[in-house]
N, C-alpha and C. Protein backbone atom coordinates (compact mmCIF):
# COMPACT_ATOMS: atom_id res chain seq x y z
N MET A 1 -18.84 11.79 14.64
CA MET A 1 -18.01 10.53 13.51
C MET A 1 -17.29 10.18 14.67
N LEU A 2 -17.11 8.34 14.33
CA LEU A 2 -16.34 7.73 15.27
C LEU A 2 -14.73 8.28 14.98
N GLN A 3 -14.38 8.43 14.07
CA GLN A 3 -12.78 8.65 13.68
C GLN A 3 -12.41 10.05 14.53
N ASP A 4 -13.65 11.09 15.02
CA ASP A 4 -13.18 11.81 15.40
C ASP A 4 -13.09 12.03 17.10
N LYS A 5 -14.05 10.95 17.50
CA LYS A 5 -14.20 10.82 18.45
C LYS A 5 -12.50 10.30 19.23
N ILE A 6 -11.99 9.10 18.56
CA ILE A 6 -11.02 8.43 18.66
C ILE A 6 -9.74 9.75 18.45
N PHE A 7 -9.65 10.54 17.42
CA PHE A 7 -8.86 11.54 18.24
C PHE A 7 -8.54 12.29 19.22
N TYR A 8 -10.18 12.31 19.56
CA TYR A 8 -10.34 13.31 20.82
C TYR A 8 -9.55 12.77 21.92
N LEU A 9 -10.14 11.60 22.32
CA LEU A 9 -9.76 10.45 23.34
C LEU A 9 -8.11 10.59 23.39
N ILE A 10 -7.35 10.30 22.14
CA ILE A 10 -5.74 10.11 22.22
C ILE A 10 -5.29 11.26 22.13
N ALA A 11 -5.62 12.25 22.18
CA ALA A 11 -5.40 14.30 22.17
C ALA A 11 -5.41 13.80 23.60
N HIS A 12 -6.24 13.46 23.88
CA HIS A 12 -6.27 14.34 25.75
C HIS A 12 -6.38 13.47 26.63
N TYR A 13 -6.21 11.86 25.90
CA TYR A 13 -5.51 11.17 27.05
C TYR A 13 -4.63 9.82 26.55
N GLY A 14 -4.21 10.51 25.63
CA GLY A 14 -2.81 10.30 25.04
C GLY A 14 -2.58 8.49 25.38
N TYR A 15 -1.37 7.88 25.60
CA TYR A 15 -1.29 6.84 26.19
C TYR A 15 -2.66 6.14 26.30
N ILE A 16 -3.49 6.11 27.03
CA ILE A 16 -4.78 5.59 27.96
C ILE A 16 -5.54 5.43 26.98
N GLY A 17 -5.50 6.47 26.33
CA GLY A 17 -6.37 6.80 24.88
C GLY A 17 -6.19 5.45 23.84
N ILE A 18 -4.35 5.41 23.32
CA ILE A 18 -4.31 4.71 22.43
C ILE A 18 -4.51 3.22 23.00
N PHE A 19 -3.63 2.80 24.29
CA PHE A 19 -4.01 1.30 24.99
C PHE A 19 -5.57 0.94 24.44
N GLY A 20 -6.25 2.07 25.10
CA GLY A 20 -7.73 1.71 25.10
C GLY A 20 -8.52 1.42 23.79
N THR A 21 -8.14 1.95 22.74
CA THR A 21 -9.26 1.73 21.84
C THR A 21 -8.11 1.28 20.70
N LEU A 22 -7.19 0.85 21.07
CA LEU A 22 -6.30 -0.26 20.25
C LEU A 22 -6.91 -1.82 20.94
N VAL A 23 -7.00 -2.27 22.19
CA VAL A 23 -7.83 -3.56 22.71
C VAL A 23 -8.80 -3.54 21.81
N LEU A 24 -9.93 -2.37 22.09
CA LEU A 24 -11.58 -2.24 21.96
C LEU A 24 -11.12 -2.85 20.09
N GLY A 25 -10.73 -1.80 19.32
CA GLY A 25 -10.50 -2.43 17.55
C GLY A 25 -9.65 -4.05 17.31
N ILE A 26 -9.27 -4.36 18.00
CA ILE A 26 -8.83 -5.59 17.56
C ILE A 26 -9.64 -6.97 18.12
N ILE A 27 -10.61 -6.31 18.66
CA ILE A 27 -11.39 -7.45 19.28
C ILE A 27 -12.70 -7.18 18.57
N GLY A 28 -12.82 -6.09 17.87
CA GLY A 28 -13.59 -6.66 17.01
C GLY A 28 -14.53 -4.82 16.46
N LEU A 29 -14.51 -4.04 17.99
CA LEU A 29 -15.17 -2.97 17.44
C LEU A 29 -14.56 -2.00 16.21
N PRO A 30 -15.80 -1.26 15.96
CA PRO A 30 -15.29 -0.57 14.39
C PRO A 30 -14.45 0.40 15.01
N VAL A 31 -13.22 -0.06 15.09
CA VAL A 31 -12.07 1.65 15.41
C VAL A 31 -11.27 1.22 14.12
N PRO A 32 -11.29 2.33 13.35
CA PRO A 32 -9.63 2.55 12.75
C PRO A 32 -8.20 2.61 13.03
N ASP A 33 -7.74 1.28 13.07
CA ASP A 33 -6.67 1.06 13.36
C ASP A 33 -5.64 1.59 12.84
N GLU A 34 -5.19 1.05 11.40
CA GLU A 34 -4.16 2.47 10.86
C GLU A 34 -4.04 3.52 11.26
N VAL A 35 -5.70 4.20 11.31
CA VAL A 35 -5.79 5.54 11.47
C VAL A 35 -5.23 6.02 12.67
N LEU A 36 -5.71 5.37 13.35
CA LEU A 36 -5.44 5.82 14.76
C LEU A 36 -3.80 5.55 15.25
N MET A 37 -2.88 4.61 14.58
CA MET A 37 -1.98 4.66 14.85
C MET A 37 -0.70 5.88 14.32
N THR A 38 -0.95 6.19 12.85
CA THR A 38 -0.57 6.87 12.18
C THR A 38 -1.28 8.39 12.89
N TYR A 39 -1.86 8.51 13.31
CA TYR A 39 -2.36 9.82 14.02
C TYR A 39 -1.49 10.16 15.23
N SER A 40 -1.01 9.03 15.79
CA SER A 40 -0.04 8.68 17.30
C SER A 40 0.93 9.03 16.61
N GLY A 41 1.31 8.93 15.08
CA GLY A 41 2.70 8.72 15.38
C GLY A 41 2.84 10.76 14.78
N TYR A 42 1.66 11.17 13.96
CA TYR A 42 1.80 12.44 13.82
C TYR A 42 1.47 13.15 15.17
N LEU A 43 1.69 12.63 15.75
CA LEU A 43 1.43 13.26 17.44
C LEU A 43 2.73 13.57 17.97
N ILE A 44 3.58 12.17 17.49
CA ILE A 44 4.95 12.42 17.92
C ILE A 44 6.03 12.75 17.19
N SER A 45 5.77 13.41 15.84
CA SER A 45 6.08 14.69 14.94
C SER A 45 5.80 15.81 15.75
N GLN A 46 4.81 15.87 16.09
CA GLN A 46 4.43 17.37 16.79
C GLN A 46 5.02 17.47 18.16
N GLY A 47 5.61 16.27 18.81
CA GLY A 47 6.43 16.52 20.09
C GLY A 47 5.65 16.15 21.25
N ARG A 48 4.03 15.71 21.24
CA ARG A 48 3.26 15.46 22.27
C ARG A 48 3.51 14.12 23.07
N LEU A 49 3.74 13.06 22.01
CA LEU A 49 3.83 11.60 22.61
C LEU A 49 5.59 11.51 22.42
N SER A 50 5.70 10.18 23.16
CA SER A 50 6.78 9.58 22.93
C SER A 50 7.20 8.76 22.36
N TYR A 51 8.40 8.43 21.29
CA TYR A 51 8.29 7.27 19.90
C TYR A 51 8.10 6.17 20.83
N VAL A 52 9.30 5.97 21.49
CA VAL A 52 9.43 4.55 22.36
C VAL A 52 8.06 4.09 22.73
N LEU A 53 7.48 5.09 23.86
CA LEU A 53 6.37 4.64 24.98
C LEU A 53 4.95 4.42 23.63
N THR A 54 5.07 5.35 23.05
CA THR A 54 3.93 5.21 22.30
C THR A 54 4.10 4.09 21.52
N LEU A 55 5.33 3.62 20.73
CA LEU A 55 5.26 1.68 19.98
C LEU A 55 5.12 0.67 21.31
N LEU A 56 5.18 1.09 22.43
CA LEU A 56 5.33 0.14 23.24
C LEU A 56 4.10 -0.26 23.58
N ILE A 57 3.34 1.13 24.06
CA ILE A 57 1.79 0.70 24.31
C ILE A 57 0.74 0.26 23.60
N ALA A 58 1.13 1.01 21.82
CA ALA A 58 0.59 0.29 20.57
C ALA A 58 0.82 -1.17 20.86
N VAL A 59 1.76 -2.03 21.18
CA VAL A 59 2.06 -2.93 21.29
C VAL A 59 1.49 -4.08 22.19
N VAL A 60 1.45 -4.01 23.06
CA VAL A 60 0.59 -3.70 24.03
C VAL A 60 -1.03 -4.00 24.51
N GLY A 61 -1.25 -2.62 23.12
CA GLY A 61 -2.97 -2.41 23.23
C GLY A 61 -3.46 -3.28 22.53
N SER A 62 -2.51 -3.77 21.38
CA SER A 62 -3.01 -4.60 20.17
C SER A 62 -2.82 -6.15 20.33
N PHE A 63 -1.22 -6.60 21.28
CA PHE A 63 -1.35 -7.71 21.43
C PHE A 63 -2.37 -8.23 23.05
N ALA A 64 -3.07 -7.16 23.57
CA ALA A 64 -4.21 -7.75 24.73
C ALA A 64 -5.41 -7.71 23.82
N GLY A 65 -5.57 -6.78 23.09
CA GLY A 65 -6.49 -7.12 21.87
C GLY A 65 -6.71 -8.56 21.72
N MET A 66 -5.72 -9.17 21.19
CA MET A 66 -5.82 -10.13 20.28
C MET A 66 -5.80 -11.47 21.26
N SER A 67 -5.11 -11.11 22.54
CA SER A 67 -5.28 -12.00 23.34
C SER A 67 -7.00 -12.27 24.01
N VAL A 68 -8.02 -11.25 23.98
CA VAL A 68 -9.26 -11.37 24.38
C VAL A 68 -9.16 -12.04 23.85
N SER A 69 -9.40 -12.03 22.20
CA SER A 69 -10.25 -12.75 21.37
C SER A 69 -10.02 -13.90 21.34
N TYR A 70 -8.52 -14.58 21.34
CA TYR A 70 -7.92 -15.99 21.76
C TYR A 70 -8.70 -16.37 22.46
N PHE A 71 -9.01 -15.82 23.78
CA PHE A 71 -9.49 -16.70 24.90
C PHE A 71 -10.76 -17.04 24.94
N ILE A 72 -11.86 -15.49 24.09
CA ILE A 72 -12.94 -16.17 24.05
C ILE A 72 -13.44 -16.74 23.06
N GLY A 73 -12.17 -16.65 21.72
CA GLY A 73 -12.75 -18.18 20.38
C GLY A 73 -12.11 -19.85 21.44
N ARG A 74 -11.03 -19.27 22.18
CA ARG A 74 -11.00 -20.59 22.97
C ARG A 74 -11.91 -21.49 24.10
N ARG A 75 -12.64 -20.47 24.62
CA ARG A 75 -13.74 -20.59 25.37
C ARG A 75 -15.26 -21.02 24.68
N PHE A 76 -15.54 -20.28 23.89
CA PHE A 76 -16.91 -20.35 23.79
C PHE A 76 -16.89 -20.72 22.34
N GLY A 77 -15.92 -20.66 21.47
CA GLY A 77 -15.87 -21.42 19.75
C GLY A 77 -16.62 -20.40 19.40
N TYR A 78 -16.53 -21.51 17.92
CA TYR A 78 -17.36 -20.62 16.55
C TYR A 78 -18.60 -20.30 16.87
N PRO A 79 -19.79 -21.19 17.18
CA PRO A 79 -20.98 -20.65 17.65
C PRO A 79 -21.20 -19.24 18.14
N LEU A 80 -20.53 -18.77 19.14
CA LEU A 80 -20.68 -17.85 19.42
C LEU A 80 -20.63 -16.27 18.57
N LEU A 81 -19.65 -16.99 17.82
CA LEU A 81 -19.08 -15.22 16.87
C LEU A 81 -20.20 -15.56 15.84
N GLU A 82 -20.40 -16.97 15.32
CA GLU A 82 -21.68 -16.74 14.18
C GLU A 82 -23.14 -15.69 14.92
N LYS A 83 -23.03 -16.43 16.03
CA LYS A 83 -24.68 -15.99 16.50
C LYS A 83 -24.35 -14.55 16.91
N HIS A 84 -23.63 -13.85 17.81
CA HIS A 84 -23.05 -12.55 17.67
C HIS A 84 -22.37 -11.76 17.05
N GLY A 85 -21.49 -12.39 16.31
CA GLY A 85 -20.59 -11.55 15.56
C GLY A 85 -21.04 -9.95 15.17
N ARG A 86 -22.39 -10.22 14.42
CA ARG A 86 -22.83 -8.51 13.95
C ARG A 86 -22.74 -7.77 14.66
N LYS A 87 -22.95 -8.22 16.04
CA LYS A 87 -23.14 -6.69 17.18
C LYS A 87 -21.81 -5.59 17.17
N ILE A 88 -20.56 -6.86 16.93
CA ILE A 88 -19.39 -6.14 16.66
C ILE A 88 -19.17 -6.14 15.32
N ARG A 89 -19.70 -6.02 14.33
CA ARG A 89 -19.10 -6.37 12.49
C ARG A 89 -18.35 -6.90 12.78
N ILE A 90 -18.96 -8.42 12.82
CA ILE A 90 -18.29 -9.77 12.28
C ILE A 90 -19.53 -10.76 12.03
N THR A 91 -18.87 -10.40 10.61
CA THR A 91 -20.56 -11.16 9.68
C THR A 91 -19.97 -12.49 8.95
N LYS A 92 -20.86 -13.40 8.93
CA LYS A 92 -20.71 -14.36 8.64
C LYS A 92 -19.88 -14.52 7.31
N GLU A 93 -20.30 -14.14 6.48
CA GLU A 93 -18.76 -13.57 5.21
C GLU A 93 -18.17 -13.52 5.87
N LYS A 94 -17.05 -12.74 6.57
CA LYS A 94 -15.95 -12.53 7.14
C LYS A 94 -15.34 -13.67 8.01
N LEU A 95 -16.08 -14.24 8.43
CA LEU A 95 -16.14 -15.08 9.42
C LEU A 95 -15.18 -16.88 8.46
N ASP A 96 -16.00 -16.74 7.22
CA ASP A 96 -15.89 -17.56 6.83
C ASP A 96 -14.87 -17.70 5.53
N HIS A 97 -14.50 -16.38 5.41
CA HIS A 97 -13.47 -15.70 4.46
C HIS A 97 -12.14 -15.73 5.26
N THR A 98 -12.43 -16.13 6.59
CA THR A 98 -11.52 -15.33 7.60
C THR A 98 -10.60 -17.24 8.31
N ARG A 99 -11.99 -18.42 7.62
CA ARG A 99 -11.97 -19.42 8.28
C ARG A 99 -10.78 -20.65 6.64
N ARG A 100 -11.17 -19.86 5.84
CA ARG A 100 -10.54 -20.11 4.67
C ARG A 100 -9.33 -20.18 4.53
N TRP A 101 -8.75 -18.92 4.86
CA TRP A 101 -7.61 -17.79 4.92
C TRP A 101 -6.44 -18.73 5.57
N PHE A 102 -7.41 -18.68 6.96
CA PHE A 102 -6.58 -19.60 8.71
C PHE A 102 -6.07 -20.74 8.10
N LYS A 103 -7.12 -21.93 7.34
CA LYS A 103 -6.78 -23.23 7.14
C LYS A 103 -5.64 -23.25 6.14
N LYS A 104 -5.47 -21.97 5.25
CA LYS A 104 -4.41 -22.13 4.16
C LYS A 104 -3.36 -21.65 4.84
N PHE A 105 -3.12 -20.66 5.63
CA PHE A 105 -1.91 -20.00 5.77
C PHE A 105 -1.09 -20.67 6.68
N GLY A 106 -2.47 -21.01 7.96
CA GLY A 106 -2.27 -21.18 9.14
C GLY A 106 -1.11 -20.24 10.41
N LYS A 107 -0.38 -20.44 10.62
CA LYS A 107 0.47 -20.18 11.65
C LYS A 107 0.66 -18.72 11.08
N PHE A 108 1.25 -18.57 10.49
CA PHE A 108 1.29 -17.29 9.48
C PHE A 108 0.41 -16.37 9.03
N ALA A 109 -0.99 -16.85 9.16
CA ALA A 109 -2.10 -15.98 8.67
C ALA A 109 -2.07 -14.93 10.66
N LEU A 110 -1.72 -15.20 11.23
CA LEU A 110 -1.55 -14.72 12.66
C LEU A 110 -0.66 -13.48 12.89
N THR A 111 0.39 -13.80 11.87
CA THR A 111 1.86 -12.77 11.89
C THR A 111 1.64 -11.48 10.27
N LEU A 112 1.15 -12.24 9.91
CA LEU A 112 0.43 -11.61 8.12
C LEU A 112 -0.97 -10.67 8.53
N GLY A 113 -1.84 -11.15 9.08
CA GLY A 113 -3.05 -11.06 9.36
C GLY A 113 -3.21 -9.52 10.08
N TYR A 114 -2.37 -8.88 10.24
CA TYR A 114 -2.40 -7.71 11.10
C TYR A 114 -2.74 -6.87 10.04
N PHE A 115 -1.71 -7.09 8.72
CA PHE A 115 -2.03 -5.98 7.55
C PHE A 115 -3.08 -6.25 6.75
N VAL A 116 -3.80 -7.13 7.09
CA VAL A 116 -4.90 -7.69 5.76
C VAL A 116 -6.39 -7.08 6.80
N PRO A 117 -7.22 -5.98 6.09
CA PRO A 117 -8.64 -5.56 6.66
C PRO A 117 -9.59 -6.76 6.59
N GLY A 118 -10.22 -6.65 7.67
CA GLY A 118 -10.68 -7.53 7.87
C GLY A 118 -10.61 -8.75 8.52
N VAL A 119 -9.27 -9.17 8.49
CA VAL A 119 -8.66 -10.74 8.53
C VAL A 119 -8.13 -10.43 10.30
N ARG A 120 -7.74 -9.46 10.49
CA ARG A 120 -6.64 -9.01 12.08
C ARG A 120 -7.54 -9.30 13.16
N HIS A 121 -9.25 -8.74 12.76
CA HIS A 121 -9.58 -9.08 14.06
C HIS A 121 -10.04 -10.56 13.78
N LEU A 122 -9.94 -11.39 13.16
CA LEU A 122 -10.98 -12.71 13.72
C LEU A 122 -9.70 -13.64 13.55
N THR A 123 -8.31 -13.93 13.39
CA THR A 123 -7.42 -14.56 13.55
C THR A 123 -7.30 -14.88 14.60
N ALA A 124 -7.34 -14.52 15.57
CA ALA A 124 -6.84 -14.70 17.62
C ALA A 124 -8.03 -15.83 17.81
N TYR A 125 -9.37 -15.16 17.12
CA TYR A 125 -10.75 -16.46 17.71
C TYR A 125 -10.07 -17.72 16.82
N PHE A 126 -9.57 -17.65 15.81
CA PHE A 126 -9.33 -18.42 15.19
C PHE A 126 -8.90 -19.81 15.60
N ALA A 127 -7.49 -18.98 15.93
CA ALA A 127 -6.57 -19.52 16.75
C ALA A 127 -7.04 -20.43 18.09
N GLY A 128 -7.65 -19.88 18.75
CA GLY A 128 -8.37 -20.53 19.66
C GLY A 128 -9.45 -21.40 19.77
N ILE A 129 -9.99 -21.28 18.83
CA ILE A 129 -11.10 -22.03 18.08
C ILE A 129 -10.42 -22.91 18.36
N SER A 130 -9.33 -22.88 17.15
CA SER A 130 -8.27 -24.23 16.56
C SER A 130 -7.71 -25.08 18.06
N GLY A 131 -8.36 -24.79 19.58
CA GLY A 131 -7.09 -25.14 20.56
C GLY A 131 -5.99 -25.31 20.31
N TRP A 132 -5.46 -23.97 20.05
CA TRP A 132 -3.86 -23.68 19.81
C TRP A 132 -3.02 -23.23 21.40
N PRO A 133 -1.97 -24.13 21.97
CA PRO A 133 -1.51 -23.40 22.94
C PRO A 133 -1.17 -22.09 22.95
N TYR A 134 -1.63 -21.39 24.00
CA TYR A 134 -1.48 -19.73 24.17
C TYR A 134 0.09 -19.41 23.58
N ARG A 135 1.22 -20.28 23.96
CA ARG A 135 2.82 -20.00 23.85
C ARG A 135 2.73 -19.60 22.16
N THR A 136 2.18 -21.20 21.54
CA THR A 136 2.43 -21.13 20.00
C THR A 136 1.60 -19.91 19.43
N PHE A 137 0.59 -19.45 20.06
CA PHE A 137 -0.55 -18.10 19.44
C PHE A 137 0.98 -16.90 20.04
N LEU A 138 1.54 -16.64 20.95
CA LEU A 138 1.71 -15.87 21.56
C LEU A 138 3.16 -15.33 20.36
N SER A 139 3.96 -16.70 20.20
CA SER A 139 5.11 -16.53 19.22
C SER A 139 4.56 -16.09 18.16
N TYR A 140 3.40 -16.25 17.30
CA TYR A 140 2.98 -15.92 16.08
C TYR A 140 2.26 -14.65 16.25
N ALA A 141 1.48 -14.52 16.90
CA ALA A 141 0.99 -12.76 17.07
C ALA A 141 1.73 -12.13 17.45
N ALA A 142 2.54 -12.30 18.63
CA ALA A 142 3.55 -11.21 18.73
C ALA A 142 4.54 -10.74 18.08
N PRO A 143 4.95 -11.08 17.07
CA PRO A 143 5.72 -10.30 15.87
C PRO A 143 5.18 -9.47 15.03
N GLY A 144 3.79 -9.97 14.75
CA GLY A 144 2.37 -9.11 13.62
C GLY A 144 2.87 -7.67 14.32
N ALA A 145 2.19 -7.84 15.75
CA ALA A 145 1.63 -6.57 16.29
C ALA A 145 2.93 -5.83 16.64
N ILE A 146 4.76 -6.50 16.59
CA ILE A 146 5.23 -5.43 16.55
C ILE A 146 5.20 -4.98 15.66
N LEU A 147 5.18 -5.37 14.20
CA LEU A 147 5.03 -5.12 13.10
C LEU A 147 4.62 -4.21 12.46
N TRP A 148 3.15 -4.67 12.62
CA TRP A 148 1.87 -4.00 12.38
C TRP A 148 2.64 -2.27 13.07
N ALA A 149 2.73 -2.07 14.59
CA ALA A 149 2.70 -0.70 15.03
C ALA A 149 3.69 0.15 14.88
N PHE A 150 4.84 -0.73 14.59
CA PHE A 150 5.99 -0.49 13.64
C PHE A 150 5.76 0.32 12.39
N ALA A 151 5.72 -0.46 11.67
CA ALA A 151 5.16 0.45 10.33
C ALA A 151 4.14 1.73 10.44
N PHE A 152 3.23 1.52 11.17
CA PHE A 152 2.67 3.21 10.87
C PHE A 152 2.64 4.09 11.71
N ILE A 153 3.08 3.72 13.35
CA ILE A 153 3.61 4.67 14.06
C ILE A 153 4.38 5.62 13.19
N THR A 154 5.77 4.43 12.74
CA THR A 154 6.99 5.26 12.29
C THR A 154 6.48 6.19 10.88
N LEU A 155 5.52 5.27 10.13
CA LEU A 155 4.85 6.31 9.04
C LEU A 155 4.29 7.79 9.26
N GLY A 156 3.53 7.25 9.98
CA GLY A 156 2.98 8.61 10.76
C GLY A 156 3.90 9.66 11.30
N THR A 157 4.88 9.09 11.93
CA THR A 157 6.02 9.99 12.65
C THR A 157 6.81 11.05 12.06
N TYR A 158 6.59 9.98 10.31
CA TYR A 158 7.51 11.55 9.21
C TYR A 158 6.49 11.78 8.58
N LEU A 159 5.12 11.78 8.47
CA LEU A 159 3.95 12.03 7.27
C LEU A 159 4.11 13.28 7.81
N GLY A 160 3.92 13.50 9.06
CA GLY A 160 4.05 14.74 9.68
C GLY A 160 2.47 15.29 9.50
N LYS A 161 2.46 16.17 9.16
CA LYS A 161 0.77 17.17 8.58
C LYS A 161 0.23 16.15 7.55
N HIS A 162 0.83 15.61 6.61
CA HIS A 162 0.43 14.74 5.56
C HIS A 162 -0.36 13.46 5.79
N TRP A 163 -0.16 13.10 7.06
CA TRP A 163 -0.44 11.51 7.81
C TRP A 163 -1.60 10.95 7.23
N LEU A 164 -2.58 11.88 7.42
CA LEU A 164 -4.37 11.73 6.73
C LEU A 164 -4.59 11.13 5.46
N ALA A 165 -4.45 12.09 4.59
CA ALA A 165 -4.12 11.77 3.29
C ALA A 165 -3.43 10.36 2.53
N VAL A 166 -2.54 10.45 3.28
CA VAL A 166 -1.30 9.25 2.46
C VAL A 166 -2.25 7.72 3.82
N THR A 167 -2.48 7.96 4.52
CA THR A 167 -3.00 6.74 5.65
C THR A 167 -4.44 6.01 4.80
N GLU A 168 -5.15 6.87 4.65
CA GLU A 168 -6.50 6.81 3.56
C GLU A 168 -6.36 5.87 2.46
N ALA A 169 -5.00 6.22 1.47
CA ALA A 169 -4.82 5.81 0.34
C ALA A 169 -3.99 4.60 0.59
N ILE A 170 -3.25 4.32 1.44
CA ILE A 170 -2.69 3.14 1.95
C ILE A 170 -3.52 1.84 2.64
N HIS A 171 -4.32 2.73 3.59
CA HIS A 171 -5.70 1.37 3.78
C HIS A 171 -6.59 1.12 2.60
N LYS A 172 -6.59 1.55 1.61
CA LYS A 172 -7.25 1.15 0.18
C LYS A 172 -6.94 -0.33 0.01
N TYR A 173 -5.61 -0.37 0.25
CA TYR A 173 -4.62 -0.83 -0.82
C TYR A 173 -3.03 -1.63 0.25
N LEU A 174 -3.90 -1.65 1.43
CA LEU A 174 -3.17 -2.54 2.37
C LEU A 174 -2.70 -3.29 2.36
N LEU A 175 -3.13 -4.53 1.53
CA LEU A 175 -2.69 -5.70 1.37
C LEU A 175 -1.72 -6.02 0.47
N LEU A 176 -2.15 -4.62 -1.04
CA LEU A 176 -0.93 -4.96 -2.14
C LEU A 176 0.18 -3.98 -1.53
N VAL A 177 0.17 -3.06 -0.75
CA VAL A 177 1.40 -2.53 -0.36
C VAL A 177 2.08 -3.52 0.62
N PHE A 178 1.81 -4.01 1.58
CA PHE A 178 2.22 -5.05 2.17
C PHE A 178 2.62 -6.61 1.50
N VAL A 179 2.62 -6.63 0.66
CA VAL A 179 2.49 -7.88 -0.21
C VAL A 179 4.17 -7.02 -0.74
N LEU A 180 3.92 -6.30 -1.46
CA LEU A 180 5.45 -5.64 -2.53
C LEU A 180 6.48 -5.02 -1.69
N LEU A 181 5.77 -4.61 -0.41
CA LEU A 181 7.10 -4.15 0.21
C LEU A 181 7.80 -5.59 0.91
N VAL A 182 6.95 -7.12 1.16
CA VAL A 182 7.86 -8.35 1.25
C VAL A 182 8.56 -8.52 0.14
N LEU A 183 8.00 -8.54 -0.94
CA LEU A 183 9.04 -8.84 -2.07
C LEU A 183 10.15 -8.01 -2.72
N VAL A 184 9.83 -6.69 -2.01
CA VAL A 184 10.80 -5.39 -1.81
C VAL A 184 12.22 -6.28 -1.08
N LEU A 185 11.94 -6.35 0.06
CA LEU A 185 12.51 -7.16 1.17
C LEU A 185 13.72 -8.00 0.53
N ILE A 186 12.46 -8.83 -0.04
CA ILE A 186 13.36 -10.07 -0.41
C ILE A 186 14.00 -10.35 -1.64
N LEU A 187 13.92 -9.22 -2.49
CA LEU A 187 15.16 -8.94 -3.56
C LEU A 187 15.90 -8.37 -2.99
N ILE A 188 15.89 -6.78 -1.50
CA ILE A 188 17.04 -6.91 -1.66
C ILE A 188 17.79 -7.76 -0.67
N TRP A 189 17.03 -8.46 0.40
CA TRP A 189 18.03 -9.48 0.97
C TRP A 189 18.50 -10.82 -0.47
N TYR A 190 18.08 -10.90 -1.33
CA TYR A 190 19.15 -11.73 -2.59
C TYR A 190 19.84 -11.02 -2.95
N LEU A 191 19.60 -10.09 -3.39
CA LEU A 191 20.66 -9.01 -4.13
C LEU A 191 22.08 -9.05 -2.90
N LYS A 192 21.70 -8.86 -1.52
CA LYS A 192 22.48 -8.38 -0.79
C LYS A 192 23.84 -9.99 -0.53
N ARG A 193 23.06 -11.27 -0.75
CA ARG A 193 23.49 -12.01 -0.66
C ARG A 193 24.23 -12.58 -1.98
N LYS A 194 23.57 -12.50 -2.44
CA LYS A 194 24.48 -13.15 -4.01
C LYS A 194 25.95 -12.65 -4.19
N PRO A 195 26.39 -12.01 -4.01
CA PRO A 195 27.50 -11.48 -3.85
C PRO A 195 28.67 -12.56 -2.57
N LYS A 196 28.08 -12.64 -2.20
CA LYS A 196 28.50 -13.31 -0.57
C LYS A 196 28.48 -15.00 -1.72
N ALA A 197 27.49 -15.46 -2.06
CA ALA A 197 27.58 -17.03 -2.58
C ALA A 197 28.47 -16.81 -3.75
N ASN A 198 28.39 -16.03 -4.70
CA ASN A 198 29.85 -15.75 -5.42
C ASN A 198 31.17 -16.14 -5.66
N GLN A 199 31.27 -14.92 -4.19
CA GLN A 199 32.92 -15.30 -3.49
C GLN A 199 33.19 -16.41 -2.90
N ALA A 200 32.09 -17.27 -2.36
CA ALA A 200 32.54 -18.16 -1.55
C ALA A 200 32.40 -19.35 -3.21
């Protein structure tokens, strides 16, 4: 089972295993990214990995994968993905869905796309296909990588031995969980801001 092999790689090769599997997962290979990072968080809770170093490696690895996807999209364009995407589980249906999503939400698709299964792997390709400057791509993709890695590694660290059951449940409803989290944060920001506005 692929998931078990990934656990083995991370448990035995540590940071190198995290970096390599994240790069391959972002490019499009069937690597369960959220599970990978919460498992890394679990290893942190067991004292086998450093929280700061794991977070840094995860951010660099995920962004490296996104950059590879960006340059593939910029160099070869949509026809390459349409023709060969199935080899790395990128179907035409996923391509069409992400292209519509990318056109609708534009630059924020790169940041939020990390939290949407099936979209995370494709937004960087479309940024490249669309001819974005790399600096623009960087400014929107990097915050997404940081937020995504921080969320799941921290989750795994606090869940400890319960990490797998909770992660599998979250993975099924990831987009809904993310939207609810954003709404809660907006509500908290509004409630904190309201007294200040009344005082003024």
